Amino acid sequence: MSTNLPTPPPTEGLLSLKAHLAPHFQALESYLLSQKTAFEPEIHPYLTHCLSSHGKRLRATLLFLAGWEGPAIAKPELVKAAAIVELIHHATLVHDDVLDGAALRQGHPTLSALHGPVVAVLLGDALFAHALTLASEYPTPVVCRIVATATRQVCTGEIAQTFHRDGEAISRSAYERIIDLKTAALFAASTELGALIAGHSTPFVQAAKQFGQLLGIAYQIYDDAADYLADEAAIGKTLGTDLLSGKLTLPLLLLLEALPNVEAEALLAQMQTRTLSLEAVRQLFSTHQIAVQVQARFAQTMDEASSLLAPFAQLKATEKLLEAAAQIQDLWRRAGLPAL
């Protein structure tokens, strides 16, 4: 299955897109550093540790592109909004590490591992609070409402996911609901804020929001697929972490649907007792063509996202958002996942 998105050259990816946003990201990093003084000095060391991990900055990238006015134009209002979504994202990562008992993130000790879960949870709360403070400073309450709603939805998704760990059975609809809240809500807020603050029309703002929502879902499908099906050398991280933590994601849910009830129950039991190996799961995936099904779901979601922007093809923001989507497809290819 192919999508309607442009295909980037094989040597390009999200990093090349970020190169066009260099002024925006320089302004973002400076702004985030400047916010340190807004926090009480007692937590400065923990804040520095948390914000030093940049990651892909996907949400900030989407926000900048939804409000795109040119490669050299980093509007202060957009930079501030990008900082808000990054603060929320950092807060969720800090909380995630506590929930997952993670010792490392991007090769560095997590805040929870270094200073304990209490410090990590409370710092995450402080980051959420400051993001809302910044959002309240815009002349329209709409910005604060978007940010507060997305924050609530992300937290709700995290809560829902805690009830489905350790191999506990979950329906595909429940899984989709979790990623809609936990991942896609902040993607949607990012594209909505970018389009809104840039002064785009209401129809485009809503289309950008829905585009972000679907892109967030697609990105989570990519992440879930990569954990089972990627080439470990290509993706640069250890595979099978979802399996080890007992987290049921789309690939395994599709496999459970394909198996007879008795075999599905046995597989769940193995997952709960941590006796199910990645090699065994991959063999079952091959037998039941799970990779093809996951690829089809990813491609379908990407197609749905791009179609939302078709009525706004004349906008530079549309061109840039589609470029970002195409480069998320490039992540899929680079991971060695089934061809699109």
C-alpha atoms as a PDB file:
ATOM      1  CA  MET A   1       0.000   0.000   0.000  1.00  0.00           C
ATOM      2  CA  SER A   2       1.347   3.458  -0.880  1.00  0.00           C
ATOM      3  CA  THR A   3       0.475   6.821   0.609  1.00  0.00           C
ATOM      4  CA  ASN A   4      -0.204  10.204  -0.964  1.00  0.00           C
ATOM      5  CA  LEU A   5       2.765  11.856   0.725  1.00  0.00           C
ATOM      6  CA  PRO A   6       5.925  12.962  -1.091  1.00  0.00           C
ATOM      7  CA  THR A   7       8.862  10.597  -0.643  1.00  0.00           C
ATOM      8  CA  PRO A   8      12.004  12.280   0.736  1.00  0.00           C
ATOM      9  CA  PRO A   9      15.408  11.377  -0.721  1.00  0.00           C
ATOM     10  CA  PRO A  10      16.956   8.430   1.147  1.00  0.00           C
ATOM     11  CA  THR A  11      19.713  10.621   2.592  1.00  0.00           C
ATOM     12  CA  GLU A  12      17.211  12.955   4.249  1.00  0.00           C
ATOM     13  CA  GLY A  13      15.048  12.567   7.316  1.00  0.00           C
ATOM     14  CA  LEU A  14      13.766  14.488  10.290  1.00  0.00           C
ATOM     15  CA  LEU A  15      17.239  15.923  10.860  1.00  0.00           C
ATOM     16  CA  SER A  16      17.251  17.569   7.423  1.00  0.00           C
ATOM     17  CA  LEU A  17      13.838  19.089   8.110  1.00  0.00           C
ATOM     18  CA  LYS A  18      15.175  20.424  11.393  1.00  0.00           C
ATOM     19  CA  ALA A  19      18.066  22.041   9.540  1.00  0.00           C
ATOM     20  CA  HIS A  20      15.534  24.316   7.815  1.00  0.00           C
ATOM     21  CA  LEU A  21      14.186  25.169  11.263  1.00  0.00           C
ATOM     22  CA  ALA A  22      17.580  26.039  12.760  1.00  0.00           C
ATOM     23  CA  PRO A  23      16.656  29.618  13.741  1.00  0.00           C
ATOM     24  CA  HIS A  24      13.435  28.356  15.321  1.00  0.00           C
ATOM     25  CA  PHE A  25      15.213  25.734  17.401  1.00  0.00           C
ATOM     26  CA  GLN A  26      17.984  28.097  18.444  1.00  0.00           C
ATOM     27  CA  ALA A  27      15.304  30.461  19.702  1.00  0.00           C
ATOM     28  CA  LEU A  28      13.492  27.579  21.404  1.00  0.00           C
ATOM     29  CA  GLU A  29      16.594  26.365  23.256  1.00  0.00           C
ATOM     30  CA  SER A  30      17.392  29.912  24.396  1.00  0.00           C
ATOM     31  CA  TYR A  31      13.823  30.392  25.580  1.00  0.00           C
ATOM     32  CA  LEU A  32      13.775  27.110  27.504  1.00  0.00           C
ATOM     33  CA  LEU A  33      17.068  27.997  29.196  1.00  0.00           C
ATOM     34  CA  SER A  34      15.682  31.385  30.143  1.00  0.00           C
ATOM     35  CA  GLN A  35      12.745  29.718  31.881  1.00  0.00           C
ATOM     36  CA  LYS A  36      15.001  28.147  34.476  1.00  0.00           C
ATOM     37  CA  THR A  37      14.906  31.361  36.506  1.00  0.00           C
ATOM     38  CA  ALA A  38      11.110  31.120  36.695  1.00  0.00           C
ATOM     39  CA  PHE A  39      11.491  28.021  38.879  1.00  0.00           C
ATOM     40  CA  GLU A  40      12.561  28.011  42.506  1.00  0.00           C
ATOM     41  CA  PRO A  41      16.350  27.583  42.904  1.00  0.00           C
ATOM     42  CA  GLU A  42      15.848  24.403  44.951  1.00  0.00           C
ATOM     43  CA  ILE A  43      14.882  22.469  41.823  1.00  0.00           C
ATOM     44  CA  HIS A  44      17.306  24.003  39.325  1.00  0.00           C
ATOM     45  CA  PRO A  45      19.671  20.976  39.269  1.00  0.00           C
ATOM     46  CA  TYR A  46      16.783  18.593  38.575  1.00  0.00           C
ATOM     47  CA  LEU A  47      15.373  20.925  35.942  1.00  0.00           C
ATOM     48  CA  THR A  48      18.730  21.138  34.169  1.00  0.00           C
ATOM     49  CA  HIS A  49      18.997  17.345  34.119  1.00  0.00           C
ATOM     50  CA  CYS A  50      15.498  17.005  32.704  1.00  0.00           C
ATOM     51  CA  LEU A  51      15.760  19.636  29.970  1.00  0.00           C
ATOM     52  CA  SER A  52      19.215  18.538  28.840  1.00  0.00           C
ATOM     53  CA  SER A  53      17.622  15.596  26.998  1.00  0.00           C
ATOM     54  CA  HIS A  54      16.333  17.093  23.741  1.00  0.00           C
ATOM     55  CA  GLY A  55      15.011  14.075  21.868  1.00  0.00           C
ATOM     56  CA  LYS A  56      13.529  14.533  18.401  1.00  0.00           C
ATOM     57  CA  ARG A  57      11.515  17.659  19.274  1.00  0.00           C
ATOM     58  CA  LEU A  58       8.762  16.289  17.028  1.00  0.00           C
ATOM     59  CA  ARG A  59       5.979  18.260  18.670  1.00  0.00           C
ATOM     60  CA  ALA A  60       7.834  21.557  18.485  1.00  0.00           C
ATOM     61  CA  THR A  61       8.706  20.794  14.858  1.00  0.00           C
ATOM     62  CA  LEU A  62       5.040  20.284  13.986  1.00  0.00           C
ATOM     63  CA  LEU A  63       4.039  23.453  15.814  1.00  0.00           C
ATOM     64  CA  PHE A  64       6.599  25.528  13.908  1.00  0.00           C
ATOM     65  CA  LEU A  65       5.541  24.010  10.591  1.00  0.00           C
ATOM     66  CA  ALA A  66       1.821  24.570  11.206  1.00  0.00           C
ATOM     67  CA  GLY A  67       2.654  28.248  11.740  1.00  0.00           C
ATOM     68  CA  TRP A  68       5.282  28.389   8.990  1.00  0.00           C
ATOM     69  CA  GLU A  69       6.118  31.820   7.578  1.00  0.00           C
ATOM     70  CA  GLY A  70       9.654  31.185   6.350  1.00  0.00           C
ATOM     71  CA  PRO A  71      12.948  29.560   7.336  1.00  0.00           C
ATOM     72  CA  ALA A  72      14.343  32.671   9.013  1.00  0.00           C
ATOM     73  CA  ILE A  73      11.178  33.748  10.823  1.00  0.00           C
ATOM     74  CA  ALA A  74      11.025  32.446  14.389  1.00  0.00           C
ATOM     75  CA  LYS A  75       8.085  34.401  15.775  1.00  0.00           C
ATOM     76  CA  PRO A  76       8.326  34.826  19.567  1.00  0.00           C
ATOM     77  CA  GLU A  77       4.706  33.724  20.006  1.00  0.00           C
ATOM     78  CA  LEU A  78       5.416  30.438  18.209  1.00  0.00           C
ATOM     79  CA  VAL A  79       8.680  29.898  20.077  1.00  0.00           C
ATOM     80  CA  LYS A  80       6.853  30.306  23.384  1.00  0.00           C
ATOM     81  CA  ALA A  81       4.140  27.855  22.303  1.00  0.00           C
ATOM     82  CA  ALA A  82       6.799  25.345  21.224  1.00  0.00           C
ATOM     83  CA  ALA A  83       8.389  25.673  24.669  1.00  0.00           C
ATOM     84  CA  ILE A  84       5.012  24.965  26.256  1.00  0.00           C
ATOM     85  CA  VAL A  85       4.480  21.705  24.363  1.00  0.00           C
ATOM     86  CA  GLU A  86       8.078  20.645  25.045  1.00  0.00           C
ATOM     87  CA  LEU A  87       7.644  21.288  28.783  1.00  0.00           C
ATOM     88  CA  ILE A  88       4.512  19.133  28.759  1.00  0.00           C
ATOM     89  CA  HIS A  89       6.320  16.430  26.812  1.00  0.00           C
ATOM     90  CA  HIS A  90       9.264  16.474  29.226  1.00  0.00           C
ATOM     91  CA  ALA A  91       6.850  16.178  32.134  1.00  0.00           C
ATOM     92  CA  THR A  92       5.229  13.103  30.602  1.00  0.00           C
ATOM     93  CA  LEU A  93       8.650  11.513  30.002  1.00  0.00           C
ATOM     94  CA  VAL A  94       9.683  12.073  33.617  1.00  0.00           C
ATOM     95  CA  HIS A  95       6.434  10.469  34.773  1.00  0.00           C
ATOM     96  CA  ASP A  96       6.797   7.644  32.220  1.00  0.00           C
ATOM     97  CA  ASP A  97      10.215   6.764  33.618  1.00  0.00           C
ATOM     98  CA  VAL A  98       8.710   6.463  37.098  1.00  0.00           C
ATOM     99  CA  LEU A  99       5.849   4.274  35.875  1.00  0.00           C
ATOM    100  CA  ASP A 100       8.188   2.063  33.833  1.00  0.00           C
ATOM    101  CA  GLY A 101      10.939   1.910  36.457  1.00  0.00           C
ATOM    102  CA  ALA A 102      13.316   3.066  33.730  1.00  0.00           C
ATOM    103  CA  ALA A 103      16.958   3.540  34.735  1.00  0.00           C
ATOM    104  CA  LEU A 104      18.102   5.082  31.447  1.00  0.00           C
ATOM    105  CA  ARG A 105      16.736   7.461  28.825  1.00  0.00           C
ATOM    106  CA  GLN A 106      18.794   8.072  25.686  1.00  0.00           C
ATOM    107  CA  GLY A 107      21.724   6.420  27.404  1.00  0.00           C
ATOM    108  CA  HIS A 108      21.662   8.660  30.480  1.00  0.00           C
ATOM    109  CA  PRO A 109      20.334   7.952  34.001  1.00  0.00           C
ATOM    110  CA  THR A 110      16.753   9.069  34.486  1.00  0.00           C
ATOM    111  CA  LEU A 111      15.788  11.609  37.114  1.00  0.00           C
ATOM    112  CA  SER A 112      13.895   8.887  38.973  1.00  0.00           C
ATOM    113  CA  ALA A 113      16.950   6.609  39.028  1.00  0.00           C
ATOM    114  CA  LEU A 114      19.188   9.382  40.324  1.00  0.00           C
ATOM    115  CA  HIS A 115      16.914  11.095  42.832  1.00  0.00           C
ATOM    116  CA  GLY A 116      13.963   8.790  43.389  1.00  0.00           C
ATOM    117  CA  PRO A 117      10.375   8.634  42.099  1.00  0.00           C
ATOM    118  CA  VAL A 118       9.038  11.284  44.503  1.00  0.00           C
ATOM    119  CA  VAL A 119      11.375  13.960  43.152  1.00  0.00           C
ATOM    120  CA  ALA A 120      10.638  12.879  39.573  1.00  0.00           C
ATOM    121  CA  VAL A 121       6.853  12.972  39.988  1.00  0.00           C
ATOM    122  CA  LEU A 122       6.896  16.372  41.653  1.00  0.00           C
ATOM    123  CA  LEU A 123       9.267  17.847  39.065  1.00  0.00           C
ATOM    124  CA  GLY A 124       6.954  16.602  36.328  1.00  0.00           C
ATOM    125  CA  ASP A 125       4.091  18.337  38.123  1.00  0.00           C
ATOM    126  CA  ALA A 126       6.141  21.555  38.258  1.00  0.00           C
ATOM    127  CA  LEU A 127       6.792  21.358  34.512  1.00  0.00           C
ATOM    128  CA  PHE A 128       3.072  20.895  33.824  1.00  0.00           C
ATOM    129  CA  ALA A 129       2.262  23.882  36.036  1.00  0.00           C
ATOM    130  CA  HIS A 130       4.778  26.149  34.359  1.00  0.00           C
ATOM    131  CA  ALA A 131       3.533  25.192  30.907  1.00  0.00           C
ATOM    132  CA  LEU A 132       0.043  26.290  31.949  1.00  0.00           C
ATOM    133  CA  THR A 133       1.441  29.520  33.414  1.00  0.00           C
ATOM    134  CA  LEU A 134       3.071  30.371  30.075  1.00  0.00           C
ATOM    135  CA  ALA A 135      -0.118  29.463  28.190  1.00  0.00           C
ATOM    136  CA  SER A 136      -2.127  31.830  30.399  1.00  0.00           C
ATOM    137  CA  GLU A 137       0.023  34.757  29.234  1.00  0.00           C
ATOM    138  CA  TYR A 138      -1.395  34.766  25.695  1.00  0.00           C
ATOM    139  CA  PRO A 139      -4.044  37.418  24.987  1.00  0.00           C
ATOM    140  CA  THR A 140      -6.626  34.724  24.183  1.00  0.00           C
ATOM    141  CA  PRO A 141      -7.761  32.071  26.698  1.00  0.00           C
ATOM    142  CA  VAL A 142      -7.996  29.588  23.818  1.00  0.00           C
ATOM    143  CA  VAL A 143      -4.274  28.817  24.059  1.00  0.00           C
ATOM    144  CA  CYS A 144      -4.537  27.955  27.743  1.00  0.00           C
ATOM    145  CA  ARG A 145      -7.618  25.834  27.086  1.00  0.00           C
ATOM    146  CA  ILE A 146      -5.843  23.851  24.342  1.00  0.00           C
ATOM    147  CA  VAL A 147      -2.810  23.265  26.566  1.00  0.00           C
ATOM    148  CA  ALA A 148      -4.852  22.324  29.642  1.00  0.00           C
ATOM    149  CA  THR A 149      -7.039  19.926  27.649  1.00  0.00           C
ATOM    150  CA  ALA A 150      -4.040  18.209  26.063  1.00  0.00           C
ATOM    151  CA  THR A 151      -2.341  17.883  29.462  1.00  0.00           C
ATOM    152  CA  ARG A 152      -5.442  16.289  30.962  1.00  0.00           C
ATOM    153  CA  GLN A 153      -5.774  13.901  28.032  1.00  0.00           C
ATOM    154  CA  VAL A 154      -2.125  12.813  28.196  1.00  0.00           C
ATOM    155  CA  CYS A 155      -2.459  12.114  31.931  1.00  0.00           C
ATOM    156  CA  THR A 156      -5.704  10.209  31.322  1.00  0.00           C
ATOM    157  CA  GLY A 157      -3.974   8.074  28.716  1.00  0.00           C
ATOM    158  CA  GLU A 158      -1.184   7.288  31.166  1.00  0.00           C
ATOM    159  CA  ILE A 159      -3.705   6.285  33.832  1.00  0.00           C
ATOM    160  CA  ALA A 160      -5.590   4.055  31.396  1.00  0.00           C
ATOM    161  CA  GLN A 161      -2.353   2.376  30.335  1.00  0.00           C
ATOM    162  CA  THR A 162      -1.393   1.514  33.922  1.00  0.00           C
ATOM    163  CA  PHE A 163      -4.398  -0.821  34.078  1.00  0.00           C
ATOM    164  CA  HIS A 164      -3.138  -2.775  31.078  1.00  0.00           C
ATOM    165  CA  ARG A 165       0.417  -3.685  32.014  1.00  0.00           C
ATOM    166  CA  ASP A 166       1.954  -7.052  32.847  1.00  0.00           C
ATOM    167  CA  GLY A 167       0.299  -8.774  29.912  1.00  0.00           C
ATOM    168  CA  GLU A 168      -3.249  -8.041  31.005  1.00  0.00           C
ATOM    169  CA  ALA A 169      -5.680  -8.505  28.120  1.00  0.00           C
ATOM    170  CA  ILE A 170      -6.795  -5.338  26.334  1.00  0.00           C
ATOM    171  CA  SER A 171      -9.066  -4.813  23.348  1.00  0.00           C
ATOM    172  CA  ARG A 172      -7.806  -3.131  20.203  1.00  0.00           C
ATOM    173  CA  SER A 173     -10.330  -0.319  20.726  1.00  0.00           C
ATOM    174  CA  ALA A 174      -8.966   0.282  24.232  1.00  0.00           C
ATOM    175  CA  TYR A 175      -5.417   0.342  22.872  1.00  0.00           C
ATOM    176  CA  GLU A 176      -6.431   2.861  20.197  1.00  0.00           C
ATOM    177  CA  ARG A 177      -8.112   5.002  22.838  1.00  0.00           C
ATOM    178  CA  ILE A 178      -4.943   5.016  24.942  1.00  0.00           C
ATOM    179  CA  ILE A 179      -2.673   6.158  22.104  1.00  0.00           C
ATOM    180  CA  ASP A 180      -5.269   8.710  21.046  1.00  0.00           C
ATOM    181  CA  LEU A 181      -4.933  10.265  24.492  1.00  0.00           C
ATOM    182  CA  LYS A 182      -1.373   9.473  25.526  1.00  0.00           C
ATOM    183  CA  THR A 183       0.434  10.328  22.282  1.00  0.00           C
ATOM    184  CA  ALA A 184      -1.852  11.894  19.686  1.00  0.00           C
ATOM    185  CA  ALA A 185      -3.404  14.566  21.933  1.00  0.00           C
ATOM    186  CA  LEU A 186      -0.151  16.493  22.266  1.00  0.00           C
ATOM    187  CA  PHE A 187       0.612  16.160  18.547  1.00  0.00           C
ATOM    188  CA  ALA A 188      -2.846  17.612  17.851  1.00  0.00           C
ATOM    189  CA  ALA A 189      -2.322  20.449  20.329  1.00  0.00           C
ATOM    190  CA  SER A 190       0.999  21.271  18.667  1.00  0.00           C
ATOM    191  CA  THR A 191      -0.381  21.627  15.144  1.00  0.00           C
ATOM    192  CA  GLU A 192      -3.503  23.415  16.396  1.00  0.00           C
ATOM    193  CA  LEU A 193      -1.455  25.931  18.386  1.00  0.00           C
ATOM    194  CA  GLY A 194       0.927  26.586  15.509  1.00  0.00           C
ATOM    195  CA  ALA A 195      -1.880  27.259  13.040  1.00  0.00           C
ATOM    196  CA  LEU A 196      -3.904  29.298  15.541  1.00  0.00           C
ATOM    197  CA  ILE A 197      -1.057  31.545  16.685  1.00  0.00           C
ATOM    198  CA  ALA A 198       0.049  32.132  13.086  1.00  0.00           C
ATOM    199  CA  GLY A 199      -3.422  33.549  12.372  1.00  0.00           C
ATOM    200  CA  HIS A 200      -4.684  30.907   9.946  1.00  0.00           C
ATOM    201  CA  SER A 201      -8.386  30.488   9.209  1.00  0.00           C
ATOM    202  CA  THR A 202     -10.546  28.411  11.528  1.00  0.00           C
ATOM    203  CA  PRO A 203     -11.035  25.639   8.906  1.00  0.00           C
ATOM    204  CA  PHE A 204      -7.258  25.257   8.541  1.00  0.00           C
ATOM    205  CA  VAL A 205      -6.703  25.345  12.312  1.00  0.00           C
ATOM    206  CA  GLN A 206      -9.162  22.474  12.718  1.00  0.00           C
ATOM    207  CA  ALA A 207      -7.668  20.537   9.797  1.00  0.00           C
ATOM    208  CA  ALA A 208      -4.177  21.019  11.252  1.00  0.00           C
ATOM    209  CA  LYS A 209      -5.388  19.747  14.623  1.00  0.00           C
ATOM    210  CA  GLN A 210      -6.913  16.619  13.094  1.00  0.00           C
ATOM    211  CA  PHE A 211      -3.800  16.127  10.978  1.00  0.00           C
ATOM    212  CA  GLY A 212      -1.664  16.260  14.132  1.00  0.00           C
ATOM    213  CA  GLN A 213      -3.941  13.779  15.866  1.00  0.00           C
ATOM    214  CA  LEU A 214      -3.607  11.240  13.064  1.00  0.00           C
ATOM    215  CA  LEU A 215       0.113  11.832  12.734  1.00  0.00           C
ATOM    216  CA  GLY A 216       0.475  11.127  16.445  1.00  0.00           C
ATOM    217  CA  ILE A 217      -1.400   7.851  16.043  1.00  0.00           C
ATOM    218  CA  ALA A 218       0.771   6.909  13.059  1.00  0.00           C
ATOM    219  CA  TYR A 219       3.925   7.740  14.992  1.00  0.00           C
ATOM    220  CA  GLN A 220       2.834   5.519  17.886  1.00  0.00           C
ATOM    221  CA  ILE A 221       2.091   2.681  15.441  1.00  0.00           C
ATOM    222  CA  TYR A 222       5.610   3.149  14.042  1.00  0.00           C
ATOM    223  CA  ASP A 223       7.094   3.083  17.548  1.00  0.00           C
ATOM    224  CA  ASP A 224       5.120  -0.037  18.506  1.00  0.00           C
ATOM    225  CA  ALA A 225       6.041  -1.798  15.268  1.00  0.00           C
ATOM    226  CA  ALA A 226       9.714  -0.893  15.571  1.00  0.00           C
ATOM    227  CA  ASP A 227       9.947  -2.453  19.026  1.00  0.00           C
ATOM    228  CA  TYR A 228       9.139  -5.861  17.534  1.00  0.00           C
ATOM    229  CA  LEU A 229       9.946  -5.688  13.834  1.00  0.00           C
ATOM    230  CA  ALA A 230      12.769  -3.199  13.267  1.00  0.00           C
ATOM    231  CA  ASP A 231      16.378  -3.901  12.510  1.00  0.00           C
ATOM    232  CA  GLU A 232      18.132  -3.282  15.827  1.00  0.00           C
ATOM    233  CA  ALA A 233      21.277  -1.863  14.209  1.00  0.00           C
ATOM    234  CA  ALA A 234      19.232   0.483  12.031  1.00  0.00           C
ATOM    235  CA  ILE A 235      17.069   1.832  14.843  1.00  0.00           C
ATOM    236  CA  GLY A 236      19.901   2.137  17.363  1.00  0.00           C
ATOM    237  CA  LYS A 237      18.112   0.815  20.429  1.00  0.00           C
ATOM    238  CA  THR A 238      17.263  -2.462  22.128  1.00  0.00           C
ATOM    239  CA  LEU A 239      14.141  -4.156  20.810  1.00  0.00           C
ATOM    240  CA  GLY A 240      11.488  -6.027  22.755  1.00  0.00           C
ATOM    241  CA  THR A 241      11.044  -3.536  25.606  1.00  0.00           C
ATOM    242  CA  ASP A 242       7.246  -3.635  25.286  1.00  0.00           C
ATOM    243  CA  LEU A 243       7.367  -7.413  25.545  1.00  0.00           C
ATOM    244  CA  LEU A 244       9.579  -7.288  28.633  1.00  0.00           C
ATOM    245  CA  SER A 245       7.290  -4.792  30.353  1.00  0.00           C
ATOM    246  CA  GLY A 246       4.161  -6.774  29.496  1.00  0.00           C
ATOM    247  CA  LYS A 247       2.717  -3.961  27.390  1.00  0.00           C
ATOM    248  CA  LEU A 248       0.219  -5.046  24.746  1.00  0.00           C
ATOM    249  CA  THR A 249       0.565  -2.922  21.608  1.00  0.00           C
ATOM    250  CA  LEU A 250      -0.832  -3.187  18.074  1.00  0.00           C
ATOM    251  CA  PRO A 251       1.455  -5.937  16.691  1.00  0.00           C
ATOM    252  CA  LEU A 252       0.751  -8.299  19.570  1.00  0.00           C
ATOM    253  CA  LEU A 253      -2.951  -7.430  19.649  1.00  0.00           C
ATOM    254  CA  LEU A 254      -3.224  -8.341  15.965  1.00  0.00           C
ATOM    255  CA  LEU A 255      -1.435 -11.598  16.679  1.00  0.00           C
ATOM    256  CA  LEU A 256      -3.816 -12.438  19.541  1.00  0.00           C
ATOM    257  CA  GLU A 257      -6.770 -11.808  17.216  1.00  0.00           C
ATOM    258  CA  ALA A 258      -5.257 -14.190  14.647  1.00  0.00           C
ATOM    259  CA  LEU A 259      -4.667 -17.047  17.112  1.00  0.00           C
ATOM    260  CA  PRO A 260      -7.253 -19.563  18.335  1.00  0.00           C
ATOM    261  CA  ASN A 261      -8.500 -18.720  21.844  1.00  0.00           C
ATOM    262  CA  VAL A 262      -6.487 -21.439  23.555  1.00  0.00           C
ATOM    263  CA  GLU A 263      -3.239 -20.351  21.891  1.00  0.00           C
ATOM    264  CA  ALA A 264      -3.970 -16.689  22.590  1.00  0.00           C
ATOM    265  CA  GLU A 265      -4.525 -17.411  26.276  1.00  0.00           C
ATOM    266  CA  ALA A 266      -1.312 -19.426  26.437  1.00  0.00           C
ATOM    267  CA  LEU A 267       0.614 -16.595  24.813  1.00  0.00           C
ATOM    268  CA  LEU A 268      -0.793 -14.086  27.320  1.00  0.00           C
ATOM    269  CA  ALA A 269       0.183 -16.388  30.173  1.00  0.00           C
ATOM    270  CA  GLN A 270       3.735 -16.580  28.833  1.00  0.00           C
ATOM    271  CA  MET A 271       3.845 -12.815  28.581  1.00  0.00           C
ATOM    272  CA  GLN A 272       2.681 -12.403  32.168  1.00  0.00           C
ATOM    273  CA  THR A 273       5.367 -14.785  33.415  1.00  0.00           C
ATOM    274  CA  ARG A 274       8.027 -13.164  31.179  1.00  0.00           C
ATOM    275  CA  THR A 275       8.732 -16.498  29.458  1.00  0.00           C
ATOM    276  CA  LEU A 276       7.819 -15.300  25.958  1.00  0.00           C
ATOM    277  CA  SER A 277      10.878 -14.549  23.834  1.00  0.00           C
ATOM    278  CA  LEU A 278      11.137 -11.916  21.115  1.00  0.00           C
ATOM    279  CA  GLU A 279      12.326 -14.595  18.670  1.00  0.00           C
ATOM    280  CA  ALA A 280       9.207 -16.695  19.296  1.00  0.00           C
ATOM    281  CA  VAL A 281       6.938 -13.693  18.805  1.00  0.00           C
ATOM    282  CA  ARG A 282       8.673 -12.749  15.572  1.00  0.00           C
ATOM    283  CA  GLN A 283       8.187 -16.264  14.255  1.00  0.00           C
ATOM    284  CA  LEU A 284       4.462 -16.062  15.010  1.00  0.00           C
ATOM    285  CA  PHE A 285       4.322 -12.644  13.345  1.00  0.00           C
ATOM    286  CA  SER A 286       5.820 -14.166  10.218  1.00  0.00           C
ATOM    287  CA  THR A 287       3.382 -17.076  10.229  1.00  0.00           C
ATOM    288  CA  HIS A 288       0.324 -14.831  10.596  1.00  0.00           C
ATOM    289  CA  GLN A 289       1.546 -11.928   8.418  1.00  0.00           C
ATOM    290  CA  ILE A 290       1.298  -9.447  11.267  1.00  0.00           C
ATOM    291  CA  ALA A 291       3.924  -7.093   9.829  1.00  0.00           C
ATOM    292  CA  VAL A 292       1.825  -6.592   6.708  1.00  0.00           C
ATOM    293  CA  GLN A 293      -1.247  -5.758   8.791  1.00  0.00           C
ATOM    294  CA  VAL A 294       0.637  -3.238  10.938  1.00  0.00           C
ATOM    295  CA  GLN A 295       2.133  -1.644   7.833  1.00  0.00           C
ATOM    296  CA  ALA A 296      -1.336  -1.329   6.301  1.00  0.00           C
ATOM    297  CA  ARG A 297      -2.674   0.409   9.432  1.00  0.00           C
ATOM    298  CA  PHE A 298       0.273   2.812   9.444  1.00  0.00           C
ATOM    299  CA  ALA A 299      -0.123   3.642   5.743  1.00  0.00           C
ATOM    300  CA  GLN A 300      -3.881   4.104   6.080  1.00  0.00           C
ATOM    301  CA  THR A 301      -3.448   6.533   8.961  1.00  0.00           C
ATOM    302  CA  MET A 302      -0.842   8.524   7.043  1.00  0.00           C
ATOM    303  CA  ASP A 303      -3.146   8.717   4.011  1.00  0.00           C
ATOM    304  CA  GLU A 304      -6.042   9.922   6.171  1.00  0.00           C
ATOM    305  CA  ALA A 305      -3.802  12.598   7.688  1.00  0.00           C
ATOM    306  CA  SER A 306      -2.595  13.935   4.325  1.00  0.00           C
ATOM    307  CA  SER A 307      -6.109  14.032   2.867  1.00  0.00           C
ATOM    308  CA  LEU A 308      -7.202  16.457   5.600  1.00  0.00           C
ATOM    309  CA  LEU A 309      -4.836  19.105   4.229  1.00  0.00           C
ATOM    310  CA  ALA A 310      -5.815  18.687   0.563  1.00  0.00           C
ATOM    311  CA  PRO A 311      -8.211  21.704   0.594  1.00  0.00           C
ATOM    312  CA  PHE A 312      -5.338  23.904   1.824  1.00  0.00           C
ATOM    313  CA  ALA A 313      -2.709  22.900  -0.730  1.00  0.00           C
ATOM    314  CA  GLN A 314      -1.900  26.544  -1.487  1.00  0.00           C
ATOM    315  CA  LEU A 315      -0.568  27.204   2.025  1.00  0.00           C
ATOM    316  CA  LYS A 316       3.139  26.979   2.796  1.00  0.00           C
ATOM    317  CA  ALA A 317       2.213  25.458   6.144  1.00  0.00           C
ATOM    318  CA  THR A 318       0.492  22.577   4.338  1.00  0.00           C
ATOM    319  CA  GLU A 319       3.573  21.929   2.235  1.00  0.00           C
ATOM    320  CA  LYS A 320       5.766  21.813   5.331  1.00  0.00           C
ATOM    321  CA  LEU A 321       3.414  19.628   7.360  1.00  0.00           C
ATOM    322  CA  LEU A 322       3.243  17.116   4.528  1.00  0.00           C
ATOM    323  CA  GLU A 323       7.021  17.155   4.373  1.00  0.00           C
ATOM    324  CA  ALA A 324       7.147  16.310   8.080  1.00  0.00           C
ATOM    325  CA  ALA A 325       4.693  13.469   7.550  1.00  0.00           C
ATOM    326  CA  ALA A 326       6.763  12.135   4.666  1.00  0.00           C
ATOM    327  CA  GLN A 327       9.808  12.085   6.865  1.00  0.00           C
ATOM    328  CA  ILE A 328       8.003  10.111   9.548  1.00  0.00           C
ATOM    329  CA  GLN A 329       7.474   7.612   6.742  1.00  0.00           C
ATOM    330  CA  ASP A 330      11.220   7.806   6.239  1.00  0.00           C
ATOM    331  CA  LEU A 331      11.705   6.763   9.873  1.00  0.00           C
ATOM    332  CA  TRP A 332       9.633   3.666   9.066  1.00  0.00           C
ATOM    333  CA  ARG A 333      11.875   2.822   6.093  1.00  0.00           C
ATOM    334  CA  ARG A 334      15.111   3.484   7.939  1.00  0.00           C
ATOM    335  CA  ALA A 335      14.027   1.141  10.746  1.00  0.00           C
ATOM    336  CA  GLY A 336      13.911  -1.719   8.258  1.00  0.00           C
ATOM    337  CA  LEU A 337      10.160  -2.154   8.616  1.00  0.00           C
ATOM    338  CA  PRO A 338       7.984  -3.623   5.816  1.00  0.00           C
ATOM    339  CA  ALA A 339       8.038  -1.491   2.645  1.00  0.00           C
ATOM    340  CA  LEU A 340       5.255   1.056   2.257  1.00  0.00           C
END
